[in-house]
Amino acid sequence: MKMKKILFILLVSFNQFTYSEIENKQFLSSIFDGCINEEVDWIDNGGQFEYCGCFVNGISKEMDMKEAMLLGLQFGDEENMEPLLENKKFMTIAIDCVSKIVE
């Protein structure tokens, strides 16, 4: 459901966000909220906030709106994580952020 909200925001305002860095706070907040609301048992709450902040920061700097939108569409199918695992930018961001919280 949250991804549909993100996609709606993107579709309504897509033409405004064609440059490479994402600066739309509402969009980035939606990603953060989706991340922080995931149930995880491998880190504590503080670590999850740190990871999600790092992840959103990485998305904002390394992806453009089109890439993030495609990532959201791929994540919509939680049964098939393969497209996400094949996305080099996604994996680099995720690995960098995990490594920061497990140090």
PDB file of N, CA and C in Angstrom:
ATOM      1  N   MET A   1       0.816  -1.197   0.000  1.00  0.00           N
ATOM      2  CA  MET A   1       0.000   0.000   0.000  1.00  0.00           C
ATOM      3  C   MET A   1       0.862   1.265   0.000  1.00  0.00           C
ATOM      4  N   LYS A   2       1.945   1.251   0.784  1.00  0.00           N
ATOM      5  CA  LYS A   2       2.815   2.419   0.851  1.00  0.00           C
ATOM      6  C   LYS A   2       3.495   2.683  -0.482  1.00  0.00           C
ATOM      7  N   MET A   3       3.842   1.603  -1.178  1.00  0.00           N
ATOM      8  CA  MET A   3       4.486   1.792  -2.475  1.00  0.00           C
ATOM      9  C   MET A   3       3.519   2.425  -3.465  1.00  0.00           C
ATOM     10  N   LYS A   4       2.242   2.110  -3.365  1.00  0.00           N
ATOM     11  CA  LYS A   4       1.256   2.743  -4.246  1.00  0.00           C
ATOM     12  C   LYS A   4       1.200   4.231  -3.971  1.00  0.00           C
ATOM     13  N   LYS A   5       1.306   4.611  -2.694  1.00  0.00           N
ATOM     14  CA  LYS A   5       1.306   6.028  -2.329  1.00  0.00           C
ATOM     15  C   LYS A   5       2.526   6.722  -2.926  1.00  0.00           C
ATOM     16  N   ILE A   6       3.667   6.071  -2.818  1.00  0.00           N
ATOM     17  CA  ILE A   6       4.901   6.631  -3.380  1.00  0.00           C
ATOM     18  C   ILE A   6       4.768   6.789  -4.887  1.00  0.00           C
ATOM     19  N   LEU A   7       4.258   5.760  -5.546  1.00  0.00           N
ATOM     20  CA  LEU A   7       4.095   5.821  -6.996  1.00  0.00           C
ATOM     21  C   LEU A   7       3.124   6.917  -7.399  1.00  0.00           C
ATOM     22  N   PHE A   8       2.063   7.105  -6.626  1.00  0.00           N
ATOM     23  CA  PHE A   8       1.111   8.170  -6.925  1.00  0.00           C
ATOM     24  C   PHE A   8       1.794   9.530  -6.837  1.00  0.00           C
ATOM     25  N   ILE A   9       2.575   9.734  -5.784  1.00  0.00           N
ATOM     26  CA  ILE A   9       3.304  10.994  -5.622  1.00  0.00           C
ATOM     27  C   ILE A   9       4.224  11.221  -6.811  1.00  0.00           C
ATOM     28  N   LEU A  10       4.900  10.157  -7.216  1.00  0.00           N
ATOM     29  CA  LEU A  10       5.807  10.268  -8.350  1.00  0.00           C
ATOM     30  C   LEU A  10       5.088  10.612  -9.642  1.00  0.00           C
ATOM     31  N   LEU A  11       4.003   9.931  -9.886  1.00  0.00           N
ATOM     32  CA  LEU A  11       3.282  10.146 -11.135  1.00  0.00           C
ATOM     33  C   LEU A  11       2.681  11.540 -11.219  1.00  0.00           C
ATOM     34  N   VAL A  12       2.215  12.055 -10.097  1.00  0.00           N
ATOM     35  CA  VAL A  12       1.611  13.388 -10.089  1.00  0.00           C
ATOM     36  C   VAL A  12       2.642  14.472 -10.372  1.00  0.00           C
ATOM     37  N   SER A  13       3.854  14.258  -9.876  1.00  0.00           N
ATOM     38  CA  SER A  13       4.853  15.318  -9.996  1.00  0.00           C
ATOM     39  C   SER A  13       6.112  14.893 -10.742  1.00  0.00           C
ATOM     40  N   PHE A  14       6.031  13.884 -11.569  1.00  0.00           N
ATOM     41  CA  PHE A  14       7.208  13.310 -12.218  1.00  0.00           C
ATOM     42  C   PHE A  14       7.983  14.318 -13.056  1.00  0.00           C
ATOM     43  N   ASN A  15       7.304  15.156 -13.793  1.00  0.00           N
ATOM     44  CA  ASN A  15       8.011  16.070 -14.693  1.00  0.00           C
ATOM     45  C   ASN A  15       8.870  17.092 -13.960  1.00  0.00           C
ATOM     46  N   GLN A  16       8.644  17.282 -12.665  1.00  0.00           N
ATOM     47  CA  GLN A  16       9.440  18.229 -11.896  1.00  0.00           C
ATOM     48  C   GLN A  16      10.765  17.630 -11.444  1.00  0.00           C
ATOM     49  N   PHE A  17      10.922  16.317 -11.550  1.00  0.00           N
ATOM     50  CA  PHE A  17      12.061  15.650 -10.931  1.00  0.00           C
ATOM     51  C   PHE A  17      12.858  14.823 -11.926  1.00  0.00           C
ATOM     52  N   THR A  18      13.388  15.478 -12.917  1.00  0.00           N
ATOM     53  CA  THR A  18      14.140  14.740 -13.926  1.00  0.00           C
ATOM     54  C   THR A  18      15.647  14.874 -13.747  1.00  0.00           C
ATOM     55  N   TYR A  19      16.116  15.602 -12.739  1.00  0.00           N
ATOM     56  CA  TYR A  19      17.542  15.707 -12.495  1.00  0.00           C
ATOM     57  C   TYR A  19      17.993  14.525 -11.652  1.00  0.00           C
ATOM     58  N   SER A  20      19.299  14.406 -11.447  1.00  0.00           N
ATOM     59  CA  SER A  20      19.828  13.165 -10.895  1.00  0.00           C
ATOM     60  C   SER A  20      19.677  13.018  -9.382  1.00  0.00           C
ATOM     61  N   GLU A  21      19.675  14.072  -8.608  1.00  0.00           N
ATOM     62  CA  GLU A  21      19.535  13.923  -7.165  1.00  0.00           C
ATOM     63  C   GLU A  21      18.080  14.154  -6.764  1.00  0.00           C
ATOM     64  N   ILE A  22      17.583  13.294  -5.912  1.00  0.00           N
ATOM     65  CA  ILE A  22      16.196  13.409  -5.462  1.00  0.00           C
ATOM     66  C   ILE A  22      16.158  14.340  -4.252  1.00  0.00           C
ATOM     67  N   GLU A  23      15.379  15.401  -4.344  1.00  0.00           N
ATOM     68  CA  GLU A  23      15.267  16.361  -3.255  1.00  0.00           C
ATOM     69  C   GLU A  23      13.843  16.493  -2.718  1.00  0.00           C
ATOM     70  N   ASN A  24      12.919  15.721  -3.250  1.00  0.00           N
ATOM     71  CA  ASN A  24      11.528  15.786  -2.812  1.00  0.00           C
ATOM     72  C   ASN A  24      11.404  15.138  -1.433  1.00  0.00           C
ATOM     73  N   LYS A  25      11.211  15.974  -0.402  1.00  0.00           N
ATOM     74  CA  LYS A  25      11.173  15.473   0.973  1.00  0.00           C
ATOM     75  C   LYS A  25       9.996  14.544   1.225  1.00  0.00           C
ATOM     76  N   GLN A  26       8.874  14.803   0.591  1.00  0.00           N
ATOM     77  CA  GLN A  26       7.708  13.943   0.785  1.00  0.00           C
ATOM     78  C   GLN A  26       7.996  12.537   0.244  1.00  0.00           C
ATOM     79  N   PHE A  27       8.601  12.464  -0.899  1.00  0.00           N
ATOM     80  CA  PHE A  27       8.959  11.179  -1.486  1.00  0.00           C
ATOM     81  C   PHE A  27       9.975  10.443  -0.613  1.00  0.00           C
ATOM     82  N   LEU A  28      11.033  11.158  -0.209  1.00  0.00           N
ATOM     83  CA  LEU A  28      12.063  10.539   0.620  1.00  0.00           C
ATOM     84  C   LEU A  28      11.514  10.116   1.978  1.00  0.00           C
ATOM     85  N   SER A  29      10.612  10.908   2.537  1.00  0.00           N
ATOM     86  CA  SER A  29       9.968  10.542   3.806  1.00  0.00           C
ATOM     87  C   SER A  29       9.137   9.276   3.657  1.00  0.00           C
ATOM     88  N   SER A  30       8.496   9.122   2.518  1.00  0.00           N
ATOM     89  CA  SER A  30       7.712   7.906   2.270  1.00  0.00           C
ATOM     90  C   SER A  30       8.614   6.672   2.239  1.00  0.00           C
ATOM     91  N   ILE A  31       9.774   6.817   1.632  1.00  0.00           N
ATOM     92  CA  ILE A  31      10.725   5.704   1.606  1.00  0.00           C
ATOM     93  C   ILE A  31      11.197   5.400   3.029  1.00  0.00           C
ATOM     94  N   PHE A  32      11.518   6.452   3.774  1.00  0.00           N
ATOM     95  CA  PHE A  32      11.979   6.259   5.154  1.00  0.00           C
ATOM     96  C   PHE A  32      10.900   5.591   6.000  1.00  0.00           C
ATOM     97  N   ASP A  33       9.675   6.070   5.884  1.00  0.00           N
ATOM     98  CA  ASP A  33       8.573   5.491   6.660  1.00  0.00           C
ATOM     99  C   ASP A  33       8.373   4.013   6.327  1.00  0.00           C
ATOM    100  N   GLY A  34       8.445   3.684   5.043  1.00  0.00           N
ATOM    101  CA  GLY A  34       8.310   2.285   4.647  1.00  0.00           C
ATOM    102  C   GLY A  34       9.430   1.437   5.216  1.00  0.00           C
ATOM    103  N   CYS A  35      10.630   1.975   5.231  1.00  0.00           N
ATOM    104  CA  CYS A  35      11.788   1.256   5.756  1.00  0.00           C
ATOM    105  C   CYS A  35      11.664   1.060   7.263  1.00  0.00           C
ATOM    106  N   ILE A  36      11.344   2.107   7.973  1.00  0.00           N
ATOM    107  CA  ILE A  36      11.323   2.052   9.435  1.00  0.00           C
ATOM    108  C   ILE A  36      10.165   1.203   9.953  1.00  0.00           C
ATOM    109  N   ASN A  37       9.124   1.047   9.159  1.00  0.00           N
ATOM    110  CA  ASN A  37       7.973   0.250   9.583  1.00  0.00           C
ATOM    111  C   ASN A  37       8.123  -1.236   9.277  1.00  0.00           C
ATOM    112  N   GLU A  38       9.222  -1.614   8.627  1.00  0.00           N
ATOM    113  CA  GLU A  38       9.501  -3.031   8.382  1.00  0.00           C
ATOM    114  C   GLU A  38       9.885  -3.692   9.701  1.00  0.00           C
ATOM    115  N   GLU A  39       9.396  -4.889   9.920  1.00  0.00           N
ATOM    116  CA  GLU A  39       9.769  -5.666  11.106  1.00  0.00           C
ATOM    117  C   GLU A  39      11.117  -6.328  10.843  1.00  0.00           C
ATOM    118  N   VAL A  40      12.112  -6.001  11.662  1.00  0.00           N
ATOM    119  CA  VAL A  40      13.425  -6.623  11.544  1.00  0.00           C
ATOM    120  C   VAL A  40      13.855  -7.117  12.924  1.00  0.00           C
ATOM    121  N   ASP A  41      14.604  -8.192  12.935  1.00  0.00           N
ATOM    122  CA  ASP A  41      15.064  -8.711  14.216  1.00  0.00           C
ATOM    123  C   ASP A  41      16.583  -8.790  14.309  1.00  0.00           C
ATOM    124  N   TRP A  42      17.274  -8.301  13.296  1.00  0.00           N
ATOM    125  CA  TRP A  42      18.732  -8.394  13.297  1.00  0.00           C
ATOM    126  C   TRP A  42      19.421  -7.137  13.800  1.00  0.00           C
ATOM    127  N   ILE A  43      18.649  -6.048  14.019  1.00  0.00           N
ATOM    128  CA  ILE A  43      19.203  -4.826  14.609  1.00  0.00           C
ATOM    129  C   ILE A  43      18.190  -4.243  15.584  1.00  0.00           C
ATOM    130  N   ASP A  44      18.670  -3.411  16.502  1.00  0.00           N
ATOM    131  CA  ASP A  44      17.756  -2.761  17.434  1.00  0.00           C
ATOM    132  C   ASP A  44      17.104  -1.544  16.771  1.00  0.00           C
ATOM    133  N   ASN A  45      16.207  -0.897  17.490  1.00  0.00           N
ATOM    134  CA  ASN A  45      15.464   0.232  16.912  1.00  0.00           C
ATOM    135  C   ASN A  45      16.377   1.367  16.465  1.00  0.00           C
ATOM    136  N   GLY A  46      17.368   1.706  17.277  1.00  0.00           N
ATOM    137  CA  GLY A  46      18.302   2.765  16.899  1.00  0.00           C
ATOM    138  C   GLY A  46      19.069   2.416  15.635  1.00  0.00           C
ATOM    139  N   GLY A  47      19.489   1.170  15.543  1.00  0.00           N
ATOM    140  CA  GLY A  47      20.189   0.712  14.345  1.00  0.00           C
ATOM    141  C   GLY A  47      19.308   0.767  13.119  1.00  0.00           C
ATOM    142  N   GLN A  48      18.025   0.456  13.311  1.00  0.00           N
ATOM    143  CA  GLN A  48      17.102   0.504  12.175  1.00  0.00           C
ATOM    144  C   GLN A  48      16.914   1.942  11.704  1.00  0.00           C
ATOM    145  N   PHE A  49      16.808   2.887  12.642  1.00  0.00           N
ATOM    146  CA  PHE A  49      16.701   4.295  12.251  1.00  0.00           C
ATOM    147  C   PHE A  49      17.961   4.740  11.509  1.00  0.00           C
ATOM    148  N   GLU A  50      19.118   4.319  11.999  1.00  0.00           N
ATOM    149  CA  GLU A  50      20.373   4.677  11.344  1.00  0.00           C
ATOM    150  C   GLU A  50      20.441   4.072   9.943  1.00  0.00           C
ATOM    151  N   TYR A  51      20.089   2.793   9.822  1.00  0.00           N
ATOM    152  CA  TYR A  51      20.098   2.136   8.513  1.00  0.00           C
ATOM    153  C   TYR A  51      19.150   2.837   7.546  1.00  0.00           C
ATOM    154  N   CYS A  52      17.917   3.086   7.981  1.00  0.00           N
ATOM    155  CA  CYS A  52      16.921   3.691   7.082  1.00  0.00           C
ATOM    156  C   CYS A  52      17.333   5.096   6.655  1.00  0.00           C
ATOM    157  N   GLY A  53      17.902   5.866   7.583  1.00  0.00           N
ATOM    158  CA  GLY A  53      18.389   7.196   7.221  1.00  0.00           C
ATOM    159  C   GLY A  53      19.502   7.121   6.199  1.00  0.00           C
ATOM    160  N   CYS A  54      20.421   6.199   6.411  1.00  0.00           N
ATOM    161  CA  CYS A  54      21.520   5.987   5.465  1.00  0.00           C
ATOM    162  C   CYS A  54      20.985   5.545   4.108  1.00  0.00           C
ATOM    163  N   PHE A  55      20.027   4.625   4.135  1.00  0.00           N
ATOM    164  CA  PHE A  55      19.456   4.100   2.895  1.00  0.00           C
ATOM    165  C   PHE A  55      18.764   5.206   2.098  1.00  0.00           C
ATOM    166  N   VAL A  56      17.951   6.021   2.759  1.00  0.00           N
ATOM    167  CA  VAL A  56      17.245   7.107   2.074  1.00  0.00           C
ATOM    168  C   VAL A  56      18.247   8.131   1.547  1.00  0.00           C
ATOM    169  N   ASN A  57      19.271   8.426   2.317  1.00  0.00           N
ATOM    170  CA  ASN A  57      20.310   9.346   1.859  1.00  0.00           C
ATOM    171  C   ASN A  57      20.988   8.800   0.602  1.00  0.00           C
ATOM    172  N   GLY A  58      21.302   7.511   0.608  1.00  0.00           N
ATOM    173  CA  GLY A  58      21.919   6.889  -0.562  1.00  0.00           C
ATOM    174  C   GLY A  58      21.021   6.932  -1.784  1.00  0.00           C
ATOM    175  N   ILE A  59      19.738   6.627  -1.586  1.00  0.00           N
ATOM    176  CA  ILE A  59      18.775   6.689  -2.691  1.00  0.00           C
ATOM    177  C   ILE A  59      18.720   8.107  -3.247  1.00  0.00           C
ATOM    178  N   SER A  60      18.672   9.101  -2.342  1.00  0.00           N
ATOM    179  CA  SER A  60      18.537  10.492  -2.793  1.00  0.00           C
ATOM    180  C   SER A  60      19.741  10.954  -3.599  1.00  0.00           C
ATOM    181  N   LYS A  61      20.912  10.440  -3.279  1.00  0.00           N
ATOM    182  CA  LYS A  61      22.124  10.898  -3.957  1.00  0.00           C
ATOM    183  C   LYS A  61      22.527  10.054  -5.155  1.00  0.00           C
ATOM    184  N   GLU A  62      22.158   8.791  -5.163  1.00  0.00           N
ATOM    185  CA  GLU A  62      22.639   7.884  -6.204  1.00  0.00           C
ATOM    186  C   GLU A  62      21.615   7.548  -7.282  1.00  0.00           C
ATOM    187  N   MET A  63      20.343   7.851  -7.033  1.00  0.00           N
ATOM    188  CA  MET A  63      19.300   7.508  -8.003  1.00  0.00           C
ATOM    189  C   MET A  63      18.538   8.757  -8.422  1.00  0.00           C
ATOM    190  N   ASP A  64      17.976   8.694  -9.607  1.00  0.00           N
ATOM    191  CA  ASP A  64      17.057   9.744 -10.010  1.00  0.00           C
ATOM    192  C   ASP A  64      15.636   9.230  -9.775  1.00  0.00           C
ATOM    193  N   MET A  65      14.668  10.068 -10.027  1.00  0.00           N
ATOM    194  CA  MET A  65      13.283   9.701  -9.741  1.00  0.00           C
ATOM    195  C   MET A  65      12.831   8.487 -10.544  1.00  0.00           C
ATOM    196  N   LYS A  66      13.277   8.392 -11.783  1.00  0.00           N
ATOM    197  CA  LYS A  66      12.867   7.255 -12.609  1.00  0.00           C
ATOM    198  C   LYS A  66      13.404   5.951 -12.025  1.00  0.00           C
ATOM    199  N   GLU A  67      14.674   5.959 -11.650  1.00  0.00           N
ATOM    200  CA  GLU A  67      15.264   4.759 -11.053  1.00  0.00           C
ATOM    201  C   GLU A  67      14.556   4.375  -9.755  1.00  0.00           C
ATOM    202  N   ALA A  68      14.285   5.362  -8.918  1.00  0.00           N
ATOM    203  CA  ALA A  68      13.620   5.083  -7.644  1.00  0.00           C
ATOM    204  C   ALA A  68      12.203   4.566  -7.871  1.00  0.00           C
ATOM    205  N   MET A  69      11.540   5.109  -8.858  1.00  0.00           N
ATOM    206  CA  MET A  69      10.197   4.652  -9.174  1.00  0.00           C
ATOM    207  C   MET A  69      10.228   3.197  -9.652  1.00  0.00           C
ATOM    208  N   LEU A  70      11.170   2.862 -10.515  1.00  0.00           N
ATOM    209  CA  LEU A  70      11.308   1.480 -10.973  1.00  0.00           C
ATOM    210  C   LEU A  70      11.659   0.553  -9.818  1.00  0.00           C
ATOM    211  N   LEU A  71      12.496   1.032  -8.918  1.00  0.00           N
ATOM    212  CA  LEU A  71      12.845   0.251  -7.733  1.00  0.00           C
ATOM    213  C   LEU A  71      11.596  -0.027  -6.899  1.00  0.00           C
ATOM    214  N   GLY A  72      10.755   0.983  -6.745  1.00  0.00           N
ATOM    215  CA  GLY A  72       9.505   0.808  -6.011  1.00  0.00           C
ATOM    216  C   GLY A  72       8.590  -0.200  -6.663  1.00  0.00           C
ATOM    217  N   LEU A  73       8.532  -0.183  -7.977  1.00  0.00           N
ATOM    218  CA  LEU A  73       7.708  -1.160  -8.691  1.00  0.00           C
ATOM    219  C   LEU A  73       8.259  -2.570  -8.500  1.00  0.00           C
ATOM    220  N   GLN A  74       9.571  -2.704  -8.521  1.00  0.00           N
ATOM    221  CA  GLN A  74      10.193  -4.007  -8.318  1.00  0.00           C
ATOM    222  C   GLN A  74       9.972  -4.501  -6.897  1.00  0.00           C
ATOM    223  N   PHE A  75      10.011  -3.588  -5.926  1.00  0.00           N
ATOM    224  CA  PHE A  75       9.827  -3.973  -4.530  1.00  0.00           C
ATOM    225  C   PHE A  75       8.381  -4.333  -4.235  1.00  0.00           C
ATOM    226  N   GLY A  76       7.464  -3.874  -5.071  1.00  0.00           N
ATOM    227  CA  GLY A  76       6.052  -4.171  -4.874  1.00  0.00           C
ATOM    228  C   GLY A  76       5.753  -5.655  -4.858  1.00  0.00           C
ATOM    229  N   ASP A  77       6.599  -6.445  -5.490  1.00  0.00           N
ATOM    230  CA  ASP A  77       6.428  -7.896  -5.506  1.00  0.00           C
ATOM    231  C   ASP A  77       7.387  -8.500  -4.491  1.00  0.00           C
ATOM    232  N   GLU A  78       6.958  -8.546  -3.226  1.00  0.00           N
ATOM    233  CA  GLU A  78       7.826  -9.028  -2.161  1.00  0.00           C
ATOM    234  C   GLU A  78       8.145 -10.514  -2.288  1.00  0.00           C
ATOM    235  N   GLU A  79       7.392 -11.220  -3.106  1.00  0.00           N
ATOM    236  CA  GLU A  79       7.657 -12.635  -3.331  1.00  0.00           C
ATOM    237  C   GLU A  79       8.929 -12.834  -4.156  1.00  0.00           C
ATOM    238  N   ASN A  80       9.242 -11.854  -5.012  1.00  0.00           N
ATOM    239  CA  ASN A  80      10.383 -11.986  -5.914  1.00  0.00           C
ATOM    240  C   ASN A  80      11.355 -10.833  -5.662  1.00  0.00           C
ATOM    241  N   MET A  81      12.368 -11.085  -4.856  1.00  0.00           N
ATOM    242  CA  MET A  81      13.347 -10.060  -4.518  1.00  0.00           C
ATOM    243  C   MET A  81      14.494  -9.992  -5.529  1.00  0.00           C
ATOM    244  N   GLU A  82      14.504 -10.891  -6.490  1.00  0.00           N
ATOM    245  CA  GLU A  82      15.611 -10.975  -7.440  1.00  0.00           C
ATOM    246  C   GLU A  82      15.888  -9.663  -8.176  1.00  0.00           C
ATOM    247  N   PRO A  83      14.864  -8.944  -8.671  1.00  0.00           N
ATOM    248  CA  PRO A  83      15.171  -7.676  -9.355  1.00  0.00           C
ATOM    249  C   PRO A  83      15.901  -6.677  -8.465  1.00  0.00           C
ATOM    250  N   LEU A  84      15.559  -6.642  -7.179  1.00  0.00           N
ATOM    251  CA  LEU A  84      16.258  -5.739  -6.266  1.00  0.00           C
ATOM    252  C   LEU A  84      17.701  -6.179  -6.063  1.00  0.00           C
ATOM    253  N   LEU A  85      17.891  -7.465  -5.908  1.00  0.00           N
ATOM    254  CA  LEU A  85      19.238  -7.989  -5.680  1.00  0.00           C
ATOM    255  C   LEU A  85      20.134  -7.809  -6.899  1.00  0.00           C
ATOM    256  N   GLU A  86      19.536  -7.672  -8.068  1.00  0.00           N
ATOM    257  CA  GLU A  86      20.306  -7.453  -9.296  1.00  0.00           C
ATOM    258  C   GLU A  86      20.576  -5.972  -9.558  1.00  0.00           C
ATOM    259  N   ASN A  87      19.929  -5.083  -8.811  1.00  0.00           N
ATOM    260  CA  ASN A  87      20.115  -3.649  -8.986  1.00  0.00           C
ATOM    261  C   ASN A  87      21.393  -3.232  -8.255  1.00  0.00           C
ATOM    262  N   LYS A  88      22.425  -2.879  -9.010  1.00  0.00           N
ATOM    263  CA  LYS A  88      23.742  -2.585  -8.429  1.00  0.00           C
ATOM    264  C   LYS A  88      23.704  -1.385  -7.486  1.00  0.00           C
ATOM    265  N   LYS A  89      22.990  -0.346  -7.860  1.00  0.00           N
ATOM    266  CA  LYS A  89      22.919   0.826  -6.988  1.00  0.00           C
ATOM    267  C   LYS A  89      22.232   0.471  -5.673  1.00  0.00           C
ATOM    268  N   PHE A  90      21.116  -0.256  -5.754  1.00  0.00           N
ATOM    269  CA  PHE A  90      20.396  -0.670  -4.555  1.00  0.00           C
ATOM    270  C   PHE A  90      21.308  -1.485  -3.638  1.00  0.00           C
ATOM    271  N   MET A  91      21.988  -2.465  -4.211  1.00  0.00           N
ATOM    272  CA  MET A  91      22.845  -3.343  -3.416  1.00  0.00           C
ATOM    273  C   MET A  91      24.014  -2.576  -2.804  1.00  0.00           C
ATOM    274  N   THR A  92      24.616  -1.660  -3.548  1.00  0.00           N
ATOM    275  CA  THR A  92      25.729  -0.865  -3.019  1.00  0.00           C
ATOM    276  C   THR A  92      25.268  -0.019  -1.841  1.00  0.00           C
ATOM    277  N   ILE A  93      24.123   0.635  -2.004  1.00  0.00           N
ATOM    278  CA  ILE A  93      23.579   1.465  -0.930  1.00  0.00           C
ATOM    279  C   ILE A  93      23.274   0.604   0.290  1.00  0.00           C
ATOM    280  N   ALA A  94      22.580  -0.508   0.099  1.00  0.00           N
ATOM    281  CA  ALA A  94      22.195  -1.378   1.210  1.00  0.00           C
ATOM    282  C   ALA A  94      23.427  -1.927   1.940  1.00  0.00           C
ATOM    283  N   ILE A  95      24.417  -2.386   1.191  1.00  0.00           N
ATOM    284  CA  ILE A  95      25.628  -2.948   1.809  1.00  0.00           C
ATOM    285  C   ILE A  95      26.399  -1.878   2.569  1.00  0.00           C
ATOM    286  N   ASP A  96      26.528  -0.689   1.988  1.00  0.00           N
ATOM    287  CA  ASP A  96      27.208   0.409   2.672  1.00  0.00           C
ATOM    288  C   ASP A  96      26.522   0.742   3.994  1.00  0.00           C
ATOM    289  N   CYS A  97      25.199   0.761   3.977  1.00  0.00           N
ATOM    290  CA  CYS A  97      24.461   1.130   5.181  1.00  0.00           C
ATOM    291  C   CYS A  97      24.506   0.033   6.235  1.00  0.00           C
ATOM    292  N   VAL A  98      24.426  -1.207   5.827  1.00  0.00           N
ATOM    293  CA  VAL A  98      24.544  -2.310   6.784  1.00  0.00           C
ATOM    294  C   VAL A  98      25.925  -2.296   7.422  1.00  0.00           C
ATOM    295  N   SER A  99      26.959  -2.073   6.602  1.00  0.00           N
ATOM    296  CA  SER A  99      28.315  -2.082   7.142  1.00  0.00           C
ATOM    297  C   SER A  99      28.513  -0.959   8.165  1.00  0.00           C
ATOM    298  N   LYS A 100      27.820   0.156   8.017  1.00  0.00           N
ATOM    299  CA  LYS A 100      27.933   1.261   8.973  1.00  0.00           C
ATOM    300  C   LYS A 100      27.353   0.903  10.342  1.00  0.00           C
ATOM    301  N   ILE A 101      26.284   0.116  10.344  1.00  0.00           N
ATOM    302  CA  ILE A 101      25.650  -0.167  11.640  1.00  0.00           C
ATOM    303  C   ILE A 101      26.203  -1.406  12.329  1.00  0.00           C
ATOM    304  N   VAL A 102      26.926  -2.245  11.617  1.00  0.00           N
ATOM    305  CA  VAL A 102      27.476  -3.442  12.256  1.00  0.00           C
ATOM    306  C   VAL A 102      28.939  -3.265  12.678  1.00  0.00           C
ATOM    307  N   GLU A 103      29.505  -2.125  12.372  1.00  0.00           N
ATOM    308  CA  GLU A 103      30.901  -1.861  12.764  1.00  0.00           C
ATOM    309  C   GLU A 103      31.032  -1.724  14.258  1.00  0.00           C
TER     310      GLU A 103
END
